[in-house]
Each structure stands twice: as structure tokens, then as C-alpha cells.
Protein backbone atom coordinates (compact mmCIF):
# COMPACT_ATOMS: atom_id res chain seq x y z
CA UNK A 1 -4.24 -7.03 11.47
CA UNK A 2 -3.50 -5.54 8.37
CA UNK A 3 -3.86 -2.04 7.35
CA UNK A 4 -5.73 -1.19 4.34
CA UNK A 5 -2.40 0.56 2.97
CA UNK A 6 -0.43 -2.06 3.94
CA UNK A 7 -3.22 -4.52 1.99
CA UNK A 8 -3.39 -1.98 -0.95
CA UNK A 9 0.54 -1.47 -1.58
CA UNK A 10 1.48 -4.97 -1.27
CA UNK A 11 -0.99 -6.78 -3.30
CA UNK A 12 -0.65 -7.17 -7.13
CA UNK A 13 -0.69 -4.00 -8.90
CA UNK A 14 -3.62 -4.53 -11.77
CA UNK A 15 -5.87 -5.90 -8.99
CA UNK A 16 -5.55 -2.71 -7.15
CA UNK A 17 -5.51 -0.47 -10.82
CA UNK A 18 -8.72 -2.40 -11.19
CA UNK A 19 -10.38 -0.89 -7.91
CA UNK A 20 -9.12 2.40 -8.66
CA UNK A 21 -10.96 2.17 -11.97
CA UNK A 22 -13.88 1.15 -10.90
CA UNK A 23 -13.75 4.26 -8.65
CA UNK A 24 -12.88 6.65 -11.38
CA UNK A 25 -15.56 5.40 -13.30
CA UNK A 26 -18.06 7.48 -11.19
CA UNK A 27 -16.47 10.49 -11.63
CA UNK A 28 -15.89 13.22 -14.56
CA UNK A 29 -12.03 13.58 -15.94
CA UNK A 30 -12.06 16.86 -14.09
CA UNK A 31 -12.82 15.66 -10.34
CA UNK A 32 -9.02 14.36 -10.39
CA UNK A 33 -6.30 17.10 -9.64
CA UNK A 34 -3.01 15.86 -9.44
CA UNK A 35 -0.86 17.90 -7.08
CA UNK A 36 2.39 16.32 -7.45
CA UNK A 37 3.04 13.03 -9.59
CA UNK A 38 3.54 10.03 -10.21
CA UNK A 39 7.25 10.61 -9.39
CA UNK A 40 10.28 8.49 -8.13
CA UNK A 41 12.00 9.30 -6.05
CA UNK A 42 14.68 8.83 -2.66
CA UNK A 43 13.48 7.80 1.06
CA UNK A 44 15.63 7.17 3.81
CA UNK A 45 15.08 3.52 4.90
CA UNK A 46 14.51 3.67 8.51
CA UNK A 47 14.83 0.06 10.52
CA UNK A 48 14.54 -0.47 14.64
CA UNK A 49 17.46 -2.46 15.85
CA UNK A 50 16.03 -6.06 17.76
CA UNK A 51 18.05 -5.51 21.20
CA UNK A 52 17.69 -2.51 21.98
CA UNK A 53 15.42 -1.10 19.49
CA UNK A 54 16.76 1.63 18.71
CA UNK A 55 16.06 3.13 15.42
CA UNK A 56 18.83 3.64 12.61
CA UNK A 57 18.85 4.75 8.96
CA UNK A 58 19.81 1.06 6.51
CA UNK A 59 19.90 3.50 3.32
CA UNK A 60 17.67 5.13 0.25
CA UNK A 61 15.51 3.32 -1.16
CA UNK A 62 13.55 4.68 -4.63
CA UNK A 63 9.69 5.13 -4.39
CA UNK A 64 6.91 6.12 -6.37
CA UNK A 65 4.44 8.74 -5.16
CA UNK A 66 1.57 10.54 -6.08
CA UNK A 67 -0.69 13.39 -4.44
CA UNK A 68 -3.52 13.95 -5.86
CA UNK A 69 -7.13 15.27 -5.09
CA UNK A 70 -10.21 13.70 -6.31
CA UNK A 71 -13.22 15.53 -6.25
CA UNK A 72 -12.21 17.85 -3.42
CA UNK A 73 -10.87 15.12 -1.36
CA UNK A 74 -6.89 14.50 -0.69
CA UNK A 75 -5.07 10.90 -1.57
CA UNK A 76 -1.71 9.80 -1.65
CA UNK A 77 -0.25 6.40 -2.55
CA UNK A 78 3.38 5.26 -2.65
CA UNK A 79 5.17 2.11 -3.47
CA UNK A 80 8.51 0.89 -3.29
CA UNK A 81 10.05 0.65 -6.62
CA UNK A 82 9.58 2.11 -9.76
CA UNK A 83 5.23 2.00 -10.54
CA UNK A 84 3.77 4.96 -11.58
CA UNK A 85 0.48 3.30 -11.86
CA UNK A 86 0.29 1.72 -8.39
CA UNK A 87 0.49 4.53 -6.57
CA UNK A 88 -1.67 7.06 -8.91
CA UNK A 89 -4.09 3.84 -7.68
CA UNK A 90 -3.19 4.20 -4.15
CA UNK A 91 -3.15 7.83 -4.51
CA UNK A 92 -7.31 7.62 -5.96
CA UNK A 93 -8.47 4.79 -3.28
CA UNK A 94 -6.88 6.92 -0.55
CA UNK A 95 -8.97 9.66 -1.41
CA UNK A 96 -12.05 7.63 -2.24
CA UNK A 97 -12.26 5.76 1.19
CA UNK A 98 -11.46 8.81 3.01
CA UNK A 99 -14.71 10.67 1.67
CA UNK A 100 -17.27 11.75 4.03
CA UNK A 101 -20.28 9.33 4.07
CA UNK A 102 -18.26 6.28 3.14
CA UNK A 103 -19.62 6.43 -0.25
CA UNK A 104 -17.16 3.56 -1.52
CA UNK A 105 -17.83 1.38 1.11
CA UNK A 106 -18.36 -1.17 -2.01
CA UNK A 107 -14.82 -1.15 -1.97
CA UNK A 108 -14.29 -2.79 1.49
CA UNK A 109 -14.96 -6.42 1.07
CA UNK A 110 -12.85 -6.61 -2.07
CA UNK A 111 -10.19 -4.96 0.23
CA UNK A 112 -10.69 -7.52 2.78
CA UNK A 113 -10.38 -10.19 -0.01
CA UNK A 114 -7.38 -8.64 -0.85
CA UNK A 115 -5.76 -8.87 2.85
CA UNK A 116 -6.97 -12.56 3.21
CA UNK A 117 -5.58 -13.26 0.40
CA UNK A 118 -1.72 -11.07 1.82
CA UNK A 119 -2.22 -12.70 4.92
CA UNK A 120 -2.76 -15.99 2.92
CA UNK A 121 1.22 -15.60 1.16
CA UNK A 122 2.13 -14.66 4.48
CA UNK A 123 1.30 -17.52 6.30
CA UNK A 124 3.06 -19.63 3.44
CA UNK A 125 6.29 -17.92 3.64
CA UNK A 126 5.93 -18.17 7.78
CA UNK A 127 5.77 -21.97 7.58
CA UNK A 128 8.06 -22.21 5.34
CA UNK A 129 11.18 -20.25 7.34
CA UNK A 130 9.31 -22.15 10.37
CA UNK A 131 10.15 -25.89 8.59
CA UNK A 132 14.08 -24.14 8.71
CA UNK A 133 14.30 -23.68 11.96
CA UNK A 134 16.64 -24.97 14.36
CA UNK A 135 16.90 -25.67 18.02
CA UNK A 136 19.68 -24.89 19.96
CA UNK A 137 20.53 -26.54 23.42
CA UNK A 138 22.07 -23.90 25.94
CA UNK A 139 23.76 -25.31 28.41
């Protein structure tokens, strides 16, 4: 099952930005306070080796991150690469979905649709890769 943050960070940025704009339309501009960002930073990419399952540092990766408050609720967004609009939209949506009482419950069906579309993309990629799979006999 895909998490909300995974769905939103891997969905097309313009769709995520549309959802964030719907949230922001409900608030006055003064309701948004940027804590930091959007800014590009390097983070350590950690991987798990498949046999012994040990963690190792594969290298650094460029990400864009934003930290903000929406009506007093903290929100964080981070995406791989240089995309300040997407990172800010993620932070807005993160804050909106953390709010007590779930005032933005109307976002959840749309996020579920994005999750279904993302799962379909993953399934097509898996099927394409599986078609090239080779079976070897073990002697």
C-alpha cells in the first residue's frame, strides 16, 4: 500500500500543485508562514544491500525541501531534484492533512485516485520488466 506522502511526491507536480491551490483558496495569505525554503540541498542517499541487508551510503542526491506553517499547523515537503513548486505544494498538503478534525477530508478521494494511477504505472513497469525475466536451471 502506498502512503499519502509517497503518492503525492511521485505524482505529476501539476496535479499536486492543483490540490495545494484548492487548500490555499480556503485561507488568507497570512495563514501561510514559511519556516525555510523552498531550498535545494544535498542529502545522503542510503540504500539497503540485498543479501546481508546492511545499510550503506550510496552517495548524495539533490532534493528541494520546504518547511512551513498553514494556520499554525506544521507542514514539510521534499522532492528529488529541483522543483520548488512541488515541494511547497507537498508542504501545504502535509499541513492540511495534519490538521485536527480533518477539515480537508475532501482531499483524500483525490489522493486515492492519484494512488491508483501511480499503482497502475508501477504495475505496467513491473510487467514490462517481468517480460524480460530469464529462468536459469540450477545444477
